[in-house]
């Protein structure tokens, strides 16, 4: 696996973890299952920072949505930089 594929995959996995967290928050927000705990532990550092800087709008938490946008932009930027560095 190339470095570009690895980095791209890591970003993709993190986006899936955030989506899993959103779904878990709808279905079983207070679950103590180890998988749920893992998802929360992996996503909370980023989401808590965003939550502190974003206002609540009607009681809704938009931090996962903003996080997905930020991660998508970072993924494209980092993968593009790696590609340009390695192949040009």
N, C-alpha and C. Protein backbone atom coordinates (compact mmCIF):
# COMPACT_ATOMS: atom_id res chain seq x y z
N UNK A 1 0.85 -1.18 0.00
CA UNK A 1 0.00 0.00 0.00
C UNK A 1 0.89 1.23 0.00
N UNK A 2 0.59 2.15 -0.87
CA UNK A 2 1.39 3.36 -0.95
C UNK A 2 1.03 4.32 0.19
N UNK A 3 1.91 5.26 0.39
CA UNK A 3 1.68 6.27 1.43
C UNK A 3 0.41 7.06 1.16
N UNK A 4 0.18 7.39 -0.10
CA UNK A 4 -1.01 8.15 -0.46
C UNK A 4 -2.28 7.36 -0.14
N UNK A 5 -2.28 6.08 -0.46
CA UNK A 5 -3.44 5.23 -0.17
C UNK A 5 -3.67 5.10 1.33
N UNK A 6 -2.58 4.98 2.08
CA UNK A 6 -2.69 4.85 3.53
C UNK A 6 -3.30 6.11 4.15
N UNK A 7 -2.78 7.26 3.77
CA UNK A 7 -3.29 8.54 4.30
C UNK A 7 -4.74 8.73 3.90
N UNK A 8 -5.04 8.45 2.66
CA UNK A 8 -6.42 8.58 2.18
C UNK A 8 -7.36 7.66 2.96
N UNK A 9 -6.92 6.45 3.21
CA UNK A 9 -7.73 5.48 3.97
C UNK A 9 -7.94 5.94 5.41
N UNK A 10 -6.92 6.50 6.03
CA UNK A 10 -7.06 6.97 7.41
C UNK A 10 -8.09 8.10 7.51
N UNK A 11 -8.06 9.02 6.58
CA UNK A 11 -9.07 10.08 6.56
C UNK A 11 -10.46 9.49 6.37
N UNK A 12 -10.59 8.53 5.47
CA UNK A 12 -11.88 7.91 5.20
C UNK A 12 -12.41 7.17 6.42
N UNK A 13 -11.55 6.45 7.11
CA UNK A 13 -11.96 5.73 8.32
C UNK A 13 -12.45 6.72 9.37
N UNK A 14 -11.76 7.85 9.52
CA UNK A 14 -12.18 8.83 10.51
C UNK A 14 -13.54 9.43 10.16
N UNK A 15 -13.79 9.65 8.88
CA UNK A 15 -15.11 10.15 8.47
C UNK A 15 -16.19 9.12 8.80
N UNK A 16 -15.92 7.84 8.58
CA UNK A 16 -16.88 6.80 8.93
C UNK A 16 -17.11 6.73 10.43
N UNK A 17 -16.06 6.96 11.23
CA UNK A 17 -16.23 6.98 12.68
C UNK A 17 -17.16 8.11 13.11
N UNK A 18 -17.02 9.26 12.49
CA UNK A 18 -17.91 10.38 12.82
C UNK A 18 -19.34 10.06 12.41
N UNK A 19 -19.53 9.49 11.25
CA UNK A 19 -20.88 9.09 10.84
C UNK A 19 -21.46 8.04 11.77
N UNK A 20 -20.64 7.10 12.20
CA UNK A 20 -21.09 6.09 13.16
C UNK A 20 -21.51 6.75 14.47
N UNK A 21 -20.77 7.73 14.89
CA UNK A 21 -21.12 8.43 16.13
C UNK A 21 -22.47 9.14 16.02
N UNK A 22 -22.73 9.75 14.88
CA UNK A 22 -24.02 10.42 14.67
C UNK A 22 -25.15 9.39 14.76
N UNK A 23 -24.98 8.26 14.10
CA UNK A 23 -26.02 7.23 14.13
C UNK A 23 -26.19 6.67 15.53
N UNK A 24 -25.08 6.44 16.22
CA UNK A 24 -25.15 5.94 17.60
C UNK A 24 -25.89 6.93 18.48
N UNK A 25 -25.66 8.23 18.27
CA UNK A 25 -26.32 9.23 19.11
C UNK A 25 -27.83 9.22 18.93
N UNK A 26 -28.30 8.76 17.78
CA UNK A 26 -29.74 8.65 17.54
C UNK A 26 -30.31 7.36 18.12
N UNK A 27 -29.54 6.28 18.03
CA UNK A 27 -30.04 4.95 18.37
C UNK A 27 -29.80 4.59 19.84
N UNK A 28 -28.57 4.73 20.29
CA UNK A 28 -28.22 4.31 21.65
C UNK A 28 -27.17 5.26 22.23
N UNK A 29 -27.56 6.48 22.55
CA UNK A 29 -26.57 7.49 22.96
C UNK A 29 -25.87 7.19 24.28
N UNK A 30 -26.45 6.37 25.13
CA UNK A 30 -25.84 6.12 26.44
C UNK A 30 -25.35 4.69 26.57
N UNK A 31 -25.05 4.06 25.47
CA UNK A 31 -24.59 2.68 25.49
C UNK A 31 -23.18 2.60 26.07
N UNK A 32 -22.92 1.53 26.80
CA UNK A 32 -21.59 1.30 27.38
C UNK A 32 -20.84 0.22 26.62
N UNK A 33 -21.32 -0.13 25.44
CA UNK A 33 -20.68 -1.16 24.63
C UNK A 33 -19.26 -0.71 24.25
N UNK A 34 -18.30 -1.61 24.25
CA UNK A 34 -16.92 -1.22 23.94
C UNK A 34 -16.74 -0.57 22.56
N UNK A 35 -17.50 -0.99 21.59
CA UNK A 35 -17.39 -0.38 20.25
C UNK A 35 -17.89 1.06 20.30
N UNK A 36 -18.98 1.29 20.99
CA UNK A 36 -19.51 2.65 21.14
C UNK A 36 -18.50 3.51 21.87
N UNK A 37 -17.92 2.98 22.92
CA UNK A 37 -16.91 3.71 23.70
C UNK A 37 -15.71 4.07 22.81
N UNK A 38 -15.29 3.11 21.96
CA UNK A 38 -14.17 3.36 21.05
C UNK A 38 -14.50 4.49 20.08
N UNK A 39 -15.69 4.46 19.50
CA UNK A 39 -16.10 5.49 18.55
C UNK A 39 -16.11 6.85 19.23
N UNK A 40 -16.66 6.92 20.44
CA UNK A 40 -16.70 8.19 21.17
C UNK A 40 -15.29 8.66 21.52
N UNK A 41 -14.43 7.74 21.96
CA UNK A 41 -13.06 8.12 22.32
C UNK A 41 -12.27 8.63 21.13
N UNK A 42 -12.51 8.08 19.96
CA UNK A 42 -11.78 8.49 18.76
C UNK A 42 -12.29 9.82 18.19
N UNK A 43 -13.55 10.12 18.36
CA UNK A 43 -14.12 11.32 17.73
C UNK A 43 -14.26 12.51 18.67
N UNK A 44 -14.30 12.26 19.95
CA UNK A 44 -14.56 13.34 20.91
C UNK A 44 -13.52 14.46 20.90
N UNK A 45 -12.22 14.17 20.76
CA UNK A 45 -11.26 15.28 20.77
C UNK A 45 -11.55 16.35 19.71
N UNK A 46 -11.86 15.95 18.50
CA UNK A 46 -12.16 16.91 17.44
C UNK A 46 -13.53 17.54 17.66
N UNK A 47 -14.53 16.72 17.94
CA UNK A 47 -15.89 17.25 18.07
C UNK A 47 -16.03 18.19 19.27
N UNK A 48 -15.34 17.91 20.36
CA UNK A 48 -15.46 18.80 21.53
C UNK A 48 -14.85 20.17 21.24
N UNK A 49 -13.74 20.20 20.50
CA UNK A 49 -13.16 21.49 20.12
C UNK A 49 -14.11 22.29 19.23
N UNK A 50 -14.70 21.61 18.29
CA UNK A 50 -15.65 22.29 17.41
C UNK A 50 -16.89 22.74 18.18
N UNK A 51 -17.36 21.91 19.09
CA UNK A 51 -18.54 22.24 19.88
C UNK A 51 -18.33 23.50 20.71
N UNK A 52 -17.11 23.67 21.23
CA UNK A 52 -16.81 24.86 22.03
C UNK A 52 -16.83 26.13 21.20
N UNK A 53 -16.49 26.03 19.91
CA UNK A 53 -16.41 27.23 19.09
C UNK A 53 -17.66 27.49 18.25
N UNK A 54 -18.59 26.54 18.23
CA UNK A 54 -19.82 26.70 17.47
C UNK A 54 -21.00 26.95 18.40
N UNK A 55 -21.87 27.87 18.04
CA UNK A 55 -23.07 28.05 18.86
C UNK A 55 -24.08 26.93 18.59
N UNK A 56 -24.86 26.59 19.59
CA UNK A 56 -25.96 25.65 19.39
C UNK A 56 -27.09 26.38 18.68
N UNK A 57 -27.59 25.78 17.65
CA UNK A 57 -28.68 26.39 16.88
C UNK A 57 -29.91 25.52 17.09
N UNK A 58 -30.83 26.02 17.87
CA UNK A 58 -32.05 25.27 18.13
C UNK A 58 -31.79 23.97 18.87
N UNK A 59 -30.72 23.92 19.65
CA UNK A 59 -30.39 22.72 20.40
C UNK A 59 -29.72 21.64 19.57
N UNK A 60 -29.39 21.94 18.31
CA UNK A 60 -28.74 20.97 17.44
C UNK A 60 -27.23 21.14 17.47
N UNK A 61 -26.53 20.02 17.44
CA UNK A 61 -25.08 20.02 17.43
C UNK A 61 -24.60 19.82 15.99
N UNK A 62 -24.03 20.86 15.41
CA UNK A 62 -23.55 20.79 14.04
C UNK A 62 -22.07 20.41 13.96
N UNK A 63 -21.44 20.10 15.09
CA UNK A 63 -20.01 19.79 15.06
C UNK A 63 -19.67 18.58 14.19
N UNK A 64 -20.47 17.50 14.13
CA UNK A 64 -20.11 16.41 13.21
C UNK A 64 -20.13 16.84 11.75
N UNK A 65 -21.10 17.66 11.38
CA UNK A 65 -21.20 18.14 10.01
C UNK A 65 -19.99 18.99 9.64
N UNK A 66 -19.63 19.91 10.52
CA UNK A 66 -18.47 20.77 10.29
C UNK A 66 -17.20 19.93 10.27
N UNK A 67 -17.11 18.95 11.16
CA UNK A 67 -15.94 18.07 11.19
C UNK A 67 -15.78 17.32 9.88
N UNK A 68 -16.88 16.82 9.33
CA UNK A 68 -16.81 16.10 8.06
C UNK A 68 -16.33 17.01 6.92
N UNK A 69 -16.78 18.24 6.93
CA UNK A 69 -16.32 19.20 5.90
C UNK A 69 -14.83 19.46 6.06
N UNK A 70 -14.39 19.71 7.28
CA UNK A 70 -12.97 19.98 7.54
C UNK A 70 -12.11 18.78 7.15
N UNK A 71 -12.54 17.60 7.52
CA UNK A 71 -11.77 16.40 7.20
C UNK A 71 -11.71 16.20 5.69
N UNK A 72 -12.81 16.43 4.99
CA UNK A 72 -12.82 16.29 3.54
C UNK A 72 -11.83 17.25 2.89
N UNK A 73 -11.83 18.49 3.34
CA UNK A 73 -10.90 19.49 2.79
C UNK A 73 -9.46 19.09 3.10
N UNK A 74 -9.21 18.68 4.35
CA UNK A 74 -7.86 18.26 4.73
C UNK A 74 -7.42 17.03 3.94
N UNK A 75 -8.32 16.10 3.73
CA UNK A 75 -8.00 14.89 2.97
C UNK A 75 -7.56 15.26 1.56
N UNK A 76 -8.33 16.09 0.91
CA UNK A 76 -7.97 16.49 -0.45
C UNK A 76 -6.65 17.25 -0.49
N UNK A 77 -6.45 18.12 0.47
CA UNK A 77 -5.22 18.91 0.52
C UNK A 77 -4.00 18.02 0.76
N UNK A 78 -4.07 17.18 1.77
CA UNK A 78 -2.93 16.33 2.12
C UNK A 78 -2.63 15.32 1.01
N UNK A 79 -3.65 14.68 0.48
CA UNK A 79 -3.43 13.70 -0.59
C UNK A 79 -2.86 14.40 -1.82
N UNK A 80 -3.35 15.57 -2.15
CA UNK A 80 -2.84 16.32 -3.29
C UNK A 80 -1.38 16.71 -3.08
N UNK A 81 -1.06 17.19 -1.88
CA UNK A 81 0.33 17.55 -1.58
C UNK A 81 1.24 16.33 -1.65
N UNK A 82 0.81 15.23 -1.12
CA UNK A 82 1.61 13.99 -1.18
C UNK A 82 1.81 13.55 -2.63
N UNK A 83 0.76 13.60 -3.40
CA UNK A 83 0.86 13.21 -4.80
C UNK A 83 1.84 14.10 -5.54
N UNK A 84 1.72 15.40 -5.35
CA UNK A 84 2.61 16.34 -6.03
C UNK A 84 4.05 16.21 -5.56
N UNK A 85 4.24 15.90 -4.29
CA UNK A 85 5.58 15.74 -3.75
C UNK A 85 6.24 14.44 -4.25
N UNK A 86 5.48 13.38 -4.30
CA UNK A 86 6.04 12.09 -4.67
C UNK A 86 6.19 11.88 -6.16
N UNK A 87 5.36 12.53 -6.96
CA UNK A 87 5.36 12.26 -8.39
C UNK A 87 5.78 13.41 -9.28
N UNK A 88 6.18 14.54 -8.69
CA UNK A 88 6.65 15.65 -9.52
C UNK A 88 7.92 16.23 -8.98
